[in-house]
Amino acid sequence: MNPGYPQPKIQLSKSPEYRESYANSVQVRVSVWDFFLNFGVAHQETPDQVTIENNHGIYLSPQQAKALWNMLGQNLAQYEQAFGKIALEPQGSPLPIPAGPIH
């Protein structure tokens, strides 16, 4: 930050369309111009079928994606320091773990 310019005051507000929801699935698409994060909920009704119901997509600039990555990294490190290591693979889960990218 340049010391010649004061830090602006930031005011947060919620638009009338603001919603919160749960996601246990995130797919990421990348282009030259942006990152697209597609959030949804994965359901497994049978052992051989997983259905992902996508409910919200967010486009981020590369700069915002990197800022999010940094912020998540810092917060995950603090979380693990307080609560212990986060395992990506469920221990003793009856669900099959698919090969490939984590969603």
PDB file of N, CA and C in Angstrom:
ATOM      1  N   MET A   1       0.845  -1.175   0.000  1.00  0.00           N
ATOM      2  CA  MET A   1       0.000   0.000   0.000  1.00  0.00           C
ATOM      3  C   MET A   1       0.887   1.233   0.000  1.00  0.00           C
ATOM      4  N   ASN A   2       0.490   2.216  -0.756  1.00  0.00           N
ATOM      5  CA  ASN A   2       1.229   3.469  -0.849  1.00  0.00           C
ATOM      6  C   ASN A   2       0.892   4.339   0.360  1.00  0.00           C
ATOM      7  N   PRO A   3       1.902   4.775   1.147  1.00  0.00           N
ATOM      8  CA  PRO A   3       1.616   5.577   2.339  1.00  0.00           C
ATOM      9  C   PRO A   3       1.015   6.936   2.021  1.00  0.00           C
ATOM     10  N   GLY A   4       1.098   7.395   0.782  1.00  0.00           N
ATOM     11  CA  GLY A   4       0.541   8.684   0.407  1.00  0.00           C
ATOM     12  C   GLY A   4      -0.970   8.676   0.268  1.00  0.00           C
ATOM     13  N   TYR A   5      -1.571   7.503   0.206  1.00  0.00           N
ATOM     14  CA  TYR A   5      -3.016   7.396   0.030  1.00  0.00           C
ATOM     15  C   TYR A   5      -3.632   6.717   1.245  1.00  0.00           C
ATOM     16  N   PRO A   6      -4.639   7.339   1.862  1.00  0.00           N
ATOM     17  CA  PRO A   6      -5.272   6.709   3.026  1.00  0.00           C
ATOM     18  C   PRO A   6      -6.088   5.486   2.590  1.00  0.00           C
ATOM     19  N   GLN A   7      -6.194   4.510   3.492  1.00  0.00           N
ATOM     20  CA  GLN A   7      -6.993   3.313   3.233  1.00  0.00           C
ATOM     21  C   GLN A   7      -8.468   3.714   3.188  1.00  0.00           C
ATOM     22  N   PRO A   8      -9.189   3.345   2.122  1.00  0.00           N
ATOM     23  CA  PRO A   8     -10.612   3.733   2.063  1.00  0.00           C
ATOM     24  C   PRO A   8     -11.436   2.950   3.081  1.00  0.00           C
ATOM     25  N   LYS A   9     -12.518   3.568   3.539  1.00  0.00           N
ATOM     26  CA  LYS A   9     -13.458   2.885   4.414  1.00  0.00           C
ATOM     27  C   LYS A   9     -14.321   1.975   3.544  1.00  0.00           C
ATOM     28  N   ILE A  10     -14.523   0.756   3.994  1.00  0.00           N
ATOM     29  CA  ILE A  10     -15.325  -0.209   3.236  1.00  0.00           C
ATOM     30  C   ILE A  10     -16.627  -0.441   3.973  1.00  0.00           C
ATOM     31  N   GLN A  11     -17.730  -0.287   3.257  1.00  0.00           N
ATOM     32  CA  GLN A  11     -19.050  -0.526   3.830  1.00  0.00           C
ATOM     33  C   GLN A  11     -19.655  -1.734   3.131  1.00  0.00           C
ATOM     34  N   LEU A  12     -20.030  -2.753   3.904  1.00  0.00           N
ATOM     35  CA  LEU A  12     -20.646  -3.951   3.355  1.00  0.00           C
ATOM     36  C   LEU A  12     -22.156  -3.847   3.478  1.00  0.00           C
ATOM     37  N   SER A  13     -22.858  -4.299   2.452  1.00  0.00           N
ATOM     38  CA  SER A  13     -24.316  -4.360   2.505  1.00  0.00           C
ATOM     39  C   SER A  13     -24.771  -5.589   1.726  1.00  0.00           C
ATOM     40  N   LYS A  14     -25.990  -6.018   1.977  1.00  0.00           N
ATOM     41  CA  LYS A  14     -26.559  -7.174   1.292  1.00  0.00           C
ATOM     42  C   LYS A  14     -27.656  -6.697   0.349  1.00  0.00           C
ATOM     43  N   SER A  15     -27.587  -7.140  -0.896  1.00  0.00           N
ATOM     44  CA  SER A  15     -28.619  -6.777  -1.866  1.00  0.00           C
ATOM     45  C   SER A  15     -29.909  -7.538  -1.530  1.00  0.00           C
ATOM     46  N   PRO A  16     -31.046  -7.106  -2.064  1.00  0.00           N
ATOM     47  CA  PRO A  16     -32.299  -7.841  -1.825  1.00  0.00           C
ATOM     48  C   PRO A  16     -32.241  -9.287  -2.345  1.00  0.00           C
ATOM     49  N   GLU A  17     -31.361  -9.551  -3.335  1.00  0.00           N
ATOM     50  CA  GLU A  17     -31.252 -10.889  -3.904  1.00  0.00           C
ATOM     51  C   GLU A  17     -30.282 -11.788  -3.130  1.00  0.00           C
ATOM     52  N   TYR A  18     -29.637 -11.262  -2.084  1.00  0.00           N
ATOM     53  CA  TYR A  18     -28.641 -12.017  -1.327  1.00  0.00           C
ATOM     54  C   TYR A  18     -29.241 -13.293  -0.745  1.00  0.00           C
ATOM     55  N   ARG A  19     -28.518 -14.406  -0.906  1.00  0.00           N
ATOM     56  CA  ARG A  19     -28.928 -15.700  -0.370  1.00  0.00           C
ATOM     57  C   ARG A  19     -27.708 -16.430   0.159  1.00  0.00           C
ATOM     58  N   GLU A  20     -27.915 -17.257   1.154  1.00  0.00           N
ATOM     59  CA  GLU A  20     -26.877 -18.157   1.635  1.00  0.00           C
ATOM     60  C   GLU A  20     -27.353 -19.580   1.395  1.00  0.00           C
ATOM     61  N   SER A  21     -26.422 -20.459   1.051  1.00  0.00           N
ATOM     62  CA  SER A  21     -26.780 -21.850   0.840  1.00  0.00           C
ATOM     63  C   SER A  21     -25.583 -22.732   1.153  1.00  0.00           C
ATOM     64  N   TYR A  22     -25.817 -24.022   1.193  1.00  0.00           N
ATOM     65  CA  TYR A  22     -24.789 -25.017   1.492  1.00  0.00           C
ATOM     66  C   TYR A  22     -24.304 -25.632   0.189  1.00  0.00           C
ATOM     67  N   ALA A  23     -23.008 -25.928   0.106  1.00  0.00           N
ATOM     68  CA  ALA A  23     -22.448 -26.636  -1.049  1.00  0.00           C
ATOM     69  C   ALA A  23     -21.431 -27.654  -0.541  1.00  0.00           C
ATOM     70  N   ASN A  24     -21.519 -28.865  -1.081  1.00  0.00           N
ATOM     71  CA  ASN A  24     -20.488 -29.865  -0.806  1.00  0.00           C
ATOM     72  C   ASN A  24     -19.826 -30.309  -2.107  1.00  0.00           C
ATOM     73  N   SER A  25     -20.052 -29.515  -3.144  1.00  0.00           N
ATOM     74  CA  SER A  25     -19.455 -29.765  -4.455  1.00  0.00           C
ATOM     75  C   SER A  25     -19.113 -28.431  -5.101  1.00  0.00           C
ATOM     76  N   VAL A  26     -17.898 -28.335  -5.627  1.00  0.00           N
ATOM     77  CA  VAL A  26     -17.486 -27.136  -6.367  1.00  0.00           C
ATOM     78  C   VAL A  26     -16.722 -27.597  -7.596  1.00  0.00           C
ATOM     79  N   GLN A  27     -17.155 -27.163  -8.755  1.00  0.00           N
ATOM     80  CA  GLN A  27     -16.407 -27.399  -9.984  1.00  0.00           C
ATOM     81  C   GLN A  27     -15.805 -26.063 -10.405  1.00  0.00           C
ATOM     82  N   VAL A  28     -14.608 -26.127 -10.982  1.00  0.00           N
ATOM     83  CA  VAL A  28     -13.910 -24.910 -11.394  1.00  0.00           C
ATOM     84  C   VAL A  28     -13.588 -24.993 -12.876  1.00  0.00           C
ATOM     85  N   ARG A  29     -13.942 -23.932 -13.593  1.00  0.00           N
ATOM     86  CA  ARG A  29     -13.542 -23.787 -14.992  1.00  0.00           C
ATOM     87  C   ARG A  29     -12.682 -22.540 -15.090  1.00  0.00           C
ATOM     88  N   VAL A  30     -11.656 -22.620 -15.930  1.00  0.00           N
ATOM     89  CA  VAL A  30     -10.710 -21.520 -16.064  1.00  0.00           C
ATOM     90  C   VAL A  30     -10.618 -21.104 -17.523  1.00  0.00           C
ATOM     91  N   SER A  31     -10.586 -19.800 -17.750  1.00  0.00           N
ATOM     92  CA  SER A  31     -10.323 -19.273 -19.089  1.00  0.00           C
ATOM     93  C   SER A  31      -9.240 -18.211 -18.955  1.00  0.00           C
ATOM     94  N   VAL A  32      -8.857 -17.632 -20.067  1.00  0.00           N
ATOM     95  CA  VAL A  32      -7.854 -16.569 -20.058  1.00  0.00           C
ATOM     96  C   VAL A  32      -8.350 -15.374 -19.239  1.00  0.00           C
ATOM     97  N   TRP A  33      -9.656 -15.136 -19.238  1.00  0.00           N
ATOM     98  CA  TRP A  33     -10.216 -13.933 -18.637  1.00  0.00           C
ATOM     99  C   TRP A  33     -10.712 -14.113 -17.222  1.00  0.00           C
ATOM    100  N   ASP A  34     -11.145 -15.343 -16.855  1.00  0.00           N
ATOM    101  CA  ASP A  34     -11.752 -15.486 -15.539  1.00  0.00           C
ATOM    102  C   ASP A  34     -11.754 -16.931 -15.047  1.00  0.00           C
ATOM    103  N   PHE A  35     -12.160 -17.076 -13.797  1.00  0.00           N
ATOM    104  CA  PHE A  35     -12.392 -18.370 -13.163  1.00  0.00           C
ATOM    105  C   PHE A  35     -13.891 -18.469 -12.909  1.00  0.00           C
ATOM    106  N   PHE A  36     -14.453 -19.649 -13.118  1.00  0.00           N
ATOM    107  CA  PHE A  36     -15.876 -19.866 -12.860  1.00  0.00           C
ATOM    108  C   PHE A  36     -15.997 -20.960 -11.807  1.00  0.00           C
ATOM    109  N   LEU A  37     -16.615 -20.646 -10.676  1.00  0.00           N
ATOM    110  CA  LEU A  37     -16.846 -21.614  -9.612  1.00  0.00           C
ATOM    111  C   LEU A  37     -18.327 -21.969  -9.612  1.00  0.00           C
ATOM    112  N   ASN A  38     -18.622 -23.255  -9.781  1.00  0.00           N
ATOM    113  CA  ASN A  38     -19.994 -23.745  -9.841  1.00  0.00           C
ATOM    114  C   ASN A  38     -20.260 -24.551  -8.575  1.00  0.00           C
ATOM    115  N   PHE A  39     -21.113 -24.033  -7.695  1.00  0.00           N
ATOM    116  CA  PHE A  39     -21.390 -24.643  -6.402  1.00  0.00           C
ATOM    117  C   PHE A  39     -22.665 -25.473  -6.465  1.00  0.00           C
ATOM    118  N   GLY A  40     -22.663 -26.598  -5.764  1.00  0.00           N
ATOM    119  CA  GLY A  40     -23.841 -27.449  -5.741  1.00  0.00           C
ATOM    120  C   GLY A  40     -23.825 -28.401  -4.566  1.00  0.00           C
ATOM    121  N   VAL A  41     -24.813 -29.290  -4.557  1.00  0.00           N
ATOM    122  CA  VAL A  41     -24.949 -30.289  -3.502  1.00  0.00           C
ATOM    123  C   VAL A  41     -24.939 -31.663  -4.158  1.00  0.00           C
ATOM    124  N   ALA A  42     -24.046 -32.523  -3.675  1.00  0.00           N
ATOM    125  CA  ALA A  42     -23.945 -33.893  -4.178  1.00  0.00           C
ATOM    126  C   ALA A  42     -24.811 -34.801  -3.317  1.00  0.00           C
ATOM    127  N   HIS A  43     -25.601 -35.653  -3.983  1.00  0.00           N
ATOM    128  CA  HIS A  43     -26.456 -36.635  -3.316  1.00  0.00           C
ATOM    129  C   HIS A  43     -26.096 -38.006  -3.843  1.00  0.00           C
ATOM    130  N   GLN A  44     -26.068 -38.996  -2.975  1.00  0.00           N
ATOM    131  CA  GLN A  44     -25.835 -40.367  -3.416  1.00  0.00           C
ATOM    132  C   GLN A  44     -26.948 -41.244  -2.859  1.00  0.00           C
ATOM    133  N   GLU A  45     -27.929 -41.568  -3.731  1.00  0.00           N
ATOM    134  CA  GLU A  45     -29.042 -42.401  -3.312  1.00  0.00           C
ATOM    135  C   GLU A  45     -28.733 -43.886  -3.462  1.00  0.00           C
ATOM    136  N   THR A  46     -27.838 -44.229  -4.389  1.00  0.00           N
ATOM    137  CA  THR A  46     -27.454 -45.627  -4.591  1.00  0.00           C
ATOM    138  C   THR A  46     -25.932 -45.709  -4.598  1.00  0.00           C
ATOM    139  N   PRO A  47     -25.365 -46.897  -4.362  1.00  0.00           N
ATOM    140  CA  PRO A  47     -23.906 -47.032  -4.328  1.00  0.00           C
ATOM    141  C   PRO A  47     -23.205 -46.657  -5.634  1.00  0.00           C
ATOM    142  N   ASP A  48     -23.918 -46.762  -6.775  1.00  0.00           N
ATOM    143  CA  ASP A  48     -23.252 -46.512  -8.057  1.00  0.00           C
ATOM    144  C   ASP A  48     -23.705 -45.237  -8.758  1.00  0.00           C
ATOM    145  N   GLN A  49     -24.449 -44.356  -8.052  1.00  0.00           N
ATOM    146  CA  GLN A  49     -24.939 -43.139  -8.709  1.00  0.00           C
ATOM    147  C   GLN A  49     -24.841 -41.951  -7.768  1.00  0.00           C
ATOM    148  N   VAL A  50     -24.092 -40.921  -8.195  1.00  0.00           N
ATOM    149  CA  VAL A  50     -24.018 -39.652  -7.459  1.00  0.00           C
ATOM    150  C   VAL A  50     -24.634 -38.580  -8.347  1.00  0.00           C
ATOM    151  N   THR A  51     -25.549 -37.818  -7.788  1.00  0.00           N
ATOM    152  CA  THR A  51     -26.172 -36.713  -8.505  1.00  0.00           C
ATOM    153  C   THR A  51     -25.700 -35.416  -7.872  1.00  0.00           C
ATOM    154  N   ILE A  52     -25.213 -34.497  -8.711  1.00  0.00           N
ATOM    155  CA  ILE A  52     -24.797 -33.179  -8.234  1.00  0.00           C
ATOM    156  C   ILE A  52     -25.788 -32.160  -8.770  1.00  0.00           C
ATOM    157  N   GLU A  53     -26.446 -31.482  -7.850  1.00  0.00           N
ATOM    158  CA  GLU A  53     -27.409 -30.446  -8.211  1.00  0.00           C
ATOM    159  C   GLU A  53     -26.717 -29.094  -8.036  1.00  0.00           C
ATOM    160  N   ASN A  54     -26.275 -28.505  -9.154  1.00  0.00           N
ATOM    161  CA  ASN A  54     -25.606 -27.202  -9.101  1.00  0.00           C
ATOM    162  C   ASN A  54     -26.644 -26.122  -8.850  1.00  0.00           C
ATOM    163  N   ASN A  55     -26.303 -25.187  -7.940  1.00  0.00           N
ATOM    164  CA  ASN A  55     -27.286 -24.161  -7.610  1.00  0.00           C
ATOM    165  C   ASN A  55     -26.769 -22.727  -7.719  1.00  0.00           C
ATOM    166  N   HIS A  56     -25.450 -22.552  -7.911  1.00  0.00           N
ATOM    167  CA  HIS A  56     -24.967 -21.178  -8.026  1.00  0.00           C
ATOM    168  C   HIS A  56     -23.603 -21.147  -8.709  1.00  0.00           C
ATOM    169  N   GLY A  57     -23.429 -20.248  -9.652  1.00  0.00           N
ATOM    170  CA  GLY A  57     -22.155 -20.067 -10.329  1.00  0.00           C
ATOM    171  C   GLY A  57     -21.628 -18.668 -10.095  1.00  0.00           C
ATOM    172  N   ILE A  58     -20.322 -18.573  -9.866  1.00  0.00           N
ATOM    173  CA  ILE A  58     -19.677 -17.280  -9.600  1.00  0.00           C
ATOM    174  C   ILE A  58     -18.479 -17.135 -10.529  1.00  0.00           C
ATOM    175  N   TYR A  59     -18.400 -16.023 -11.243  1.00  0.00           N
ATOM    176  CA  TYR A  59     -17.230 -15.687 -12.044  1.00  0.00           C
ATOM    177  C   TYR A  59     -16.315 -14.800 -11.218  1.00  0.00           C
ATOM    178  N   LEU A  60     -15.010 -15.098 -11.239  1.00  0.00           N
ATOM    179  CA  LEU A  60     -14.009 -14.288 -10.552  1.00  0.00           C
ATOM    180  C   LEU A  60     -12.914 -13.905 -11.528  1.00  0.00           C
ATOM    181  N   SER A  61     -12.392 -12.687 -11.380  1.00  0.00           N
ATOM    182  CA  SER A  61     -11.215 -12.307 -12.145  1.00  0.00           C
ATOM    183  C   SER A  61     -10.032 -13.116 -11.618  1.00  0.00           C
ATOM    184  N   PRO A  62      -8.956 -13.264 -12.399  1.00  0.00           N
ATOM    185  CA  PRO A  62      -7.776 -13.962 -11.876  1.00  0.00           C
ATOM    186  C   PRO A  62      -7.249 -13.335 -10.582  1.00  0.00           C
ATOM    187  N   GLN A  63      -7.333 -12.018 -10.476  1.00  0.00           N
ATOM    188  CA  GLN A  63      -6.858 -11.336  -9.274  1.00  0.00           C
ATOM    189  C   GLN A  63      -7.727 -11.695  -8.066  1.00  0.00           C
ATOM    190  N   GLN A  64      -9.039 -11.701  -8.257  1.00  0.00           N
ATOM    191  CA  GLN A  64      -9.938 -12.066  -7.154  1.00  0.00           C
ATOM    192  C   GLN A  64      -9.793 -13.540  -6.798  1.00  0.00           C
ATOM    193  N   ALA A  65      -9.568 -14.396  -7.791  1.00  0.00           N
ATOM    194  CA  ALA A  65      -9.360 -15.820  -7.526  1.00  0.00           C
ATOM    195  C   ALA A  65      -8.111 -16.017  -6.675  1.00  0.00           C
ATOM    196  N   LYS A  66      -7.051 -15.287  -6.980  1.00  0.00           N
ATOM    197  CA  LYS A  66      -5.816 -15.418  -6.204  1.00  0.00           C
ATOM    198  C   LYS A  66      -6.008 -14.869  -4.792  1.00  0.00           C
ATOM    199  N   ALA A  67      -6.726 -13.762  -4.650  1.00  0.00           N
ATOM    200  CA  ALA A  67      -7.011 -13.214  -3.326  1.00  0.00           C
ATOM    201  C   ALA A  67      -7.837 -14.215  -2.508  1.00  0.00           C
ATOM    202  N   LEU A  68      -8.816 -14.869  -3.134  1.00  0.00           N
ATOM    203  CA  LEU A  68      -9.620 -15.892  -2.461  1.00  0.00           C
ATOM    204  C   LEU A  68      -8.749 -17.062  -2.036  1.00  0.00           C
ATOM    205  N   TRP A  69      -7.864 -17.507  -2.928  1.00  0.00           N
ATOM    206  CA  TRP A  69      -6.944 -18.607  -2.632  1.00  0.00           C
ATOM    207  C   TRP A  69      -6.077 -18.263  -1.410  1.00  0.00           C
ATOM    208  N   ASN A  70      -5.534 -17.045  -1.377  1.00  0.00           N
ATOM    209  CA  ASN A  70      -4.713 -16.619  -0.242  1.00  0.00           C
ATOM    210  C   ASN A  70      -5.523 -16.592   1.053  1.00  0.00           C
ATOM    211  N   MET A  71      -6.727 -16.029   0.981  1.00  0.00           N
ATOM    212  CA  MET A  71      -7.572 -15.919   2.157  1.00  0.00           C
ATOM    213  C   MET A  71      -7.983 -17.301   2.669  1.00  0.00           C
ATOM    214  N   LEU A  72      -8.369 -18.202   1.766  1.00  0.00           N
ATOM    215  CA  LEU A  72      -8.737 -19.556   2.171  1.00  0.00           C
ATOM    216  C   LEU A  72      -7.550 -20.284   2.790  1.00  0.00           C
ATOM    217  N   GLY A  73      -6.370 -20.126   2.199  1.00  0.00           N
ATOM    218  CA  GLY A  73      -5.174 -20.760   2.739  1.00  0.00           C
ATOM    219  C   GLY A  73      -4.884 -20.307   4.161  1.00  0.00           C
ATOM    220  N   GLN A  74      -4.974 -19.008   4.401  1.00  0.00           N
ATOM    221  CA  GLN A  74      -4.728 -18.473   5.743  1.00  0.00           C
ATOM    222  C   GLN A  74      -5.769 -18.983   6.738  1.00  0.00           C
ATOM    223  N   ASN A  75      -7.037 -18.972   6.332  1.00  0.00           N
ATOM    224  CA  ASN A  75      -8.105 -19.407   7.227  1.00  0.00           C
ATOM    225  C   ASN A  75      -8.077 -20.907   7.481  1.00  0.00           C
ATOM    226  N   LEU A  76      -7.717 -21.694   6.463  1.00  0.00           N
ATOM    227  CA  LEU A  76      -7.591 -23.141   6.664  1.00  0.00           C
ATOM    228  C   LEU A  76      -6.438 -23.461   7.616  1.00  0.00           C
ATOM    229  N   ALA A  77      -5.329 -22.750   7.489  1.00  0.00           N
ATOM    230  CA  ALA A  77      -4.196 -22.958   8.394  1.00  0.00           C
ATOM    231  C   ALA A  77      -4.605 -22.648   9.832  1.00  0.00           C
ATOM    232  N   GLN A  78      -5.331 -21.577  10.049  1.00  0.00           N
ATOM    233  CA  GLN A  78      -5.804 -21.220  11.388  1.00  0.00           C
ATOM    234  C   GLN A  78      -6.787 -22.268  11.915  1.00  0.00           C
ATOM    235  N   TYR A  79      -7.683 -22.738  11.043  1.00  0.00           N
ATOM    236  CA  TYR A  79      -8.654 -23.765  11.433  1.00  0.00           C
ATOM    237  C   TYR A  79      -7.943 -25.039  11.867  1.00  0.00           C
ATOM    238  N   GLU A  80      -6.971 -25.489  11.059  1.00  0.00           N
ATOM    239  CA  GLU A  80      -6.237 -26.714  11.400  1.00  0.00           C
ATOM    240  C   GLU A  80      -5.413 -26.542  12.668  1.00  0.00           C
ATOM    241  N   GLN A  81      -4.906 -25.359  12.893  1.00  0.00           N
ATOM    242  CA  GLN A  81      -4.151 -25.101  14.119  1.00  0.00           C
ATOM    243  C   GLN A  81      -5.067 -25.221  15.338  1.00  0.00           C
ATOM    244  N   ALA A  82      -6.303 -24.769  15.192  1.00  0.00           N
ATOM    245  CA  ALA A  82      -7.250 -24.801  16.307  1.00  0.00           C
ATOM    246  C   ALA A  82      -7.917 -26.169  16.478  1.00  0.00           C
ATOM    247  N   PHE A  83      -8.235 -26.857  15.352  1.00  0.00           N
ATOM    248  CA  PHE A  83      -9.065 -28.060  15.424  1.00  0.00           C
ATOM    249  C   PHE A  83      -8.399 -29.330  14.913  1.00  0.00           C
ATOM    250  N   GLY A  84      -7.218 -29.238  14.354  1.00  0.00           N
ATOM    251  CA  GLY A  84      -6.527 -30.413  13.838  1.00  0.00           C
ATOM    252  C   GLY A  84      -6.603 -30.498  12.325  1.00  0.00           C
ATOM    253  N   LYS A  85      -5.796 -31.390  11.787  1.00  0.00           N
ATOM    254  CA  LYS A  85      -5.652 -31.570  10.340  1.00  0.00           C
ATOM    255  C   LYS A  85      -6.979 -31.968   9.692  1.00  0.00           C
ATOM    256  N   ILE A  86      -7.261 -31.384   8.544  1.00  0.00           N
ATOM    257  CA  ILE A  86      -8.450 -31.718   7.757  1.00  0.00           C
ATOM    258  C   ILE A  86      -8.069 -32.818   6.773  1.00  0.00           C
ATOM    259  N   ALA A  87      -8.794 -33.930   6.820  1.00  0.00           N
ATOM    260  CA  ALA A  87      -8.553 -35.032   5.884  1.00  0.00           C
ATOM    261  C   ALA A  87      -9.476 -34.858   4.677  1.00  0.00           C
ATOM    262  N   LEU A  88      -8.924 -34.986   3.471  1.00  0.00           N
ATOM    263  CA  LEU A  88      -9.746 -34.871   2.265  1.00  0.00           C
ATOM    264  C   LEU A  88     -10.486 -36.167   1.954  1.00  0.00           C
ATOM    265  N   GLU A  89      -9.954 -37.284   2.400  1.00  0.00           N
ATOM    266  CA  GLU A  89     -10.605 -38.564   2.152  1.00  0.00           C
ATOM    267  C   GLU A  89     -11.307 -39.012   3.421  1.00  0.00           C
ATOM    268  N   PRO A  90     -12.623 -39.272   3.335  1.00  0.00           N
ATOM    269  CA  PRO A  90     -13.355 -39.716   4.527  1.00  0.00           C
ATOM    270  C   PRO A  90     -12.798 -41.027   5.056  1.00  0.00           C
ATOM    271  N   GLN A  91     -12.668 -41.135   6.369  1.00  0.00           N
ATOM    272  CA  GLN A  91     -12.171 -42.348   6.993  1.00  0.00           C
ATOM    273  C   GLN A  91     -13.347 -43.259   7.308  1.00  0.00           C
ATOM    274  N   GLY A  92     -13.311 -44.486   6.790  1.00  0.00           N
ATOM    275  CA  GLY A  92     -14.363 -45.452   7.068  1.00  0.00           C
ATOM    276  C   GLY A  92     -15.673 -45.131   6.391  1.00  0.00           C
ATOM    277  N   SER A  93     -15.651 -44.336   5.351  1.00  0.00           N
ATOM    278  CA  SER A  93     -16.877 -43.961   4.663  1.00  0.00           C
ATOM    279  C   SER A  93     -17.356 -45.095   3.769  1.00  0.00           C
ATOM    280  N   PRO A  94     -18.665 -45.378   3.770  1.00  0.00           N
ATOM    281  CA  PRO A  94     -19.191 -46.404   2.864  1.00  0.00           C
ATOM    282  C   PRO A  94     -19.266 -45.922   1.419  1.00  0.00           C
ATOM    283  N   LEU A  95     -19.094 -44.618   1.198  1.00  0.00           N
ATOM    284  CA  LEU A  95     -19.195 -44.071  -0.153  1.00  0.00           C
ATOM    285  C   LEU A  95     -17.907 -44.326  -0.914  1.00  0.00           C
ATOM    286  N   PRO A  96     -18.005 -44.708  -2.182  1.00  0.00           N
ATOM    287  CA  PRO A  96     -16.785 -44.868  -2.974  1.00  0.00           C
ATOM    288  C   PRO A  96     -16.148 -43.516  -3.232  1.00  0.00           C
ATOM    289  N   ILE A  97     -14.827 -43.472  -3.241  1.00  0.00           N
ATOM    290  CA  ILE A  97     -14.106 -42.230  -3.520  1.00  0.00           C
ATOM    291  C   ILE A  97     -13.715 -42.247  -4.976  1.00  0.00           C
ATOM    292  N   PRO A  98     -14.312 -41.373  -5.803  1.00  0.00           N
ATOM    293  CA  PRO A  98     -14.012 -41.389  -7.227  1.00  0.00           C
ATOM    294  C   PRO A  98     -12.593 -40.896  -7.499  1.00  0.00           C
ATOM    295  N   ALA A  99     -11.995 -41.440  -8.551  1.00  0.00           N
ATOM    296  CA  ALA A  99     -10.691 -40.954  -8.983  1.00  0.00           C
ATOM    297  C   ALA A  99     -10.880 -39.637  -9.719  1.00  0.00           C
ATOM    298  N   GLY A 100      -9.850 -38.822  -9.737  1.00  0.00           N
ATOM    299  CA  GLY A 100      -9.923 -37.580 -10.495  1.00  0.00           C
ATOM    300  C   GLY A 100      -9.955 -36.372  -9.581  1.00  0.00           C
ATOM    301  N   PRO A 101     -10.376 -35.209 -10.108  1.00  0.00           N
ATOM    302  CA  PRO A 101     -10.339 -33.978  -9.332  1.00  0.00           C
ATOM    303  C   PRO A 101     -11.341 -34.010  -8.181  1.00  0.00           C
ATOM    304  N   ILE A 102     -11.031 -33.286  -7.137  1.00  0.00           N
ATOM    305  CA  ILE A 102     -11.941 -33.160  -5.986  1.00  0.00           C
ATOM    306  C   ILE A 102     -13.002 -32.149  -6.354  1.00  0.00           C
ATOM    307  N   HIS A 103     -14.261 -32.510  -6.148  1.00  0.00           N
ATOM    308  CA  HIS A 103     -15.390 -31.612  -6.437  1.00  0.00           C
ATOM    309  C   HIS A 103     -16.033 -31.192  -5.152  1.00  0.00           C
TER     310      HIS A 103
END
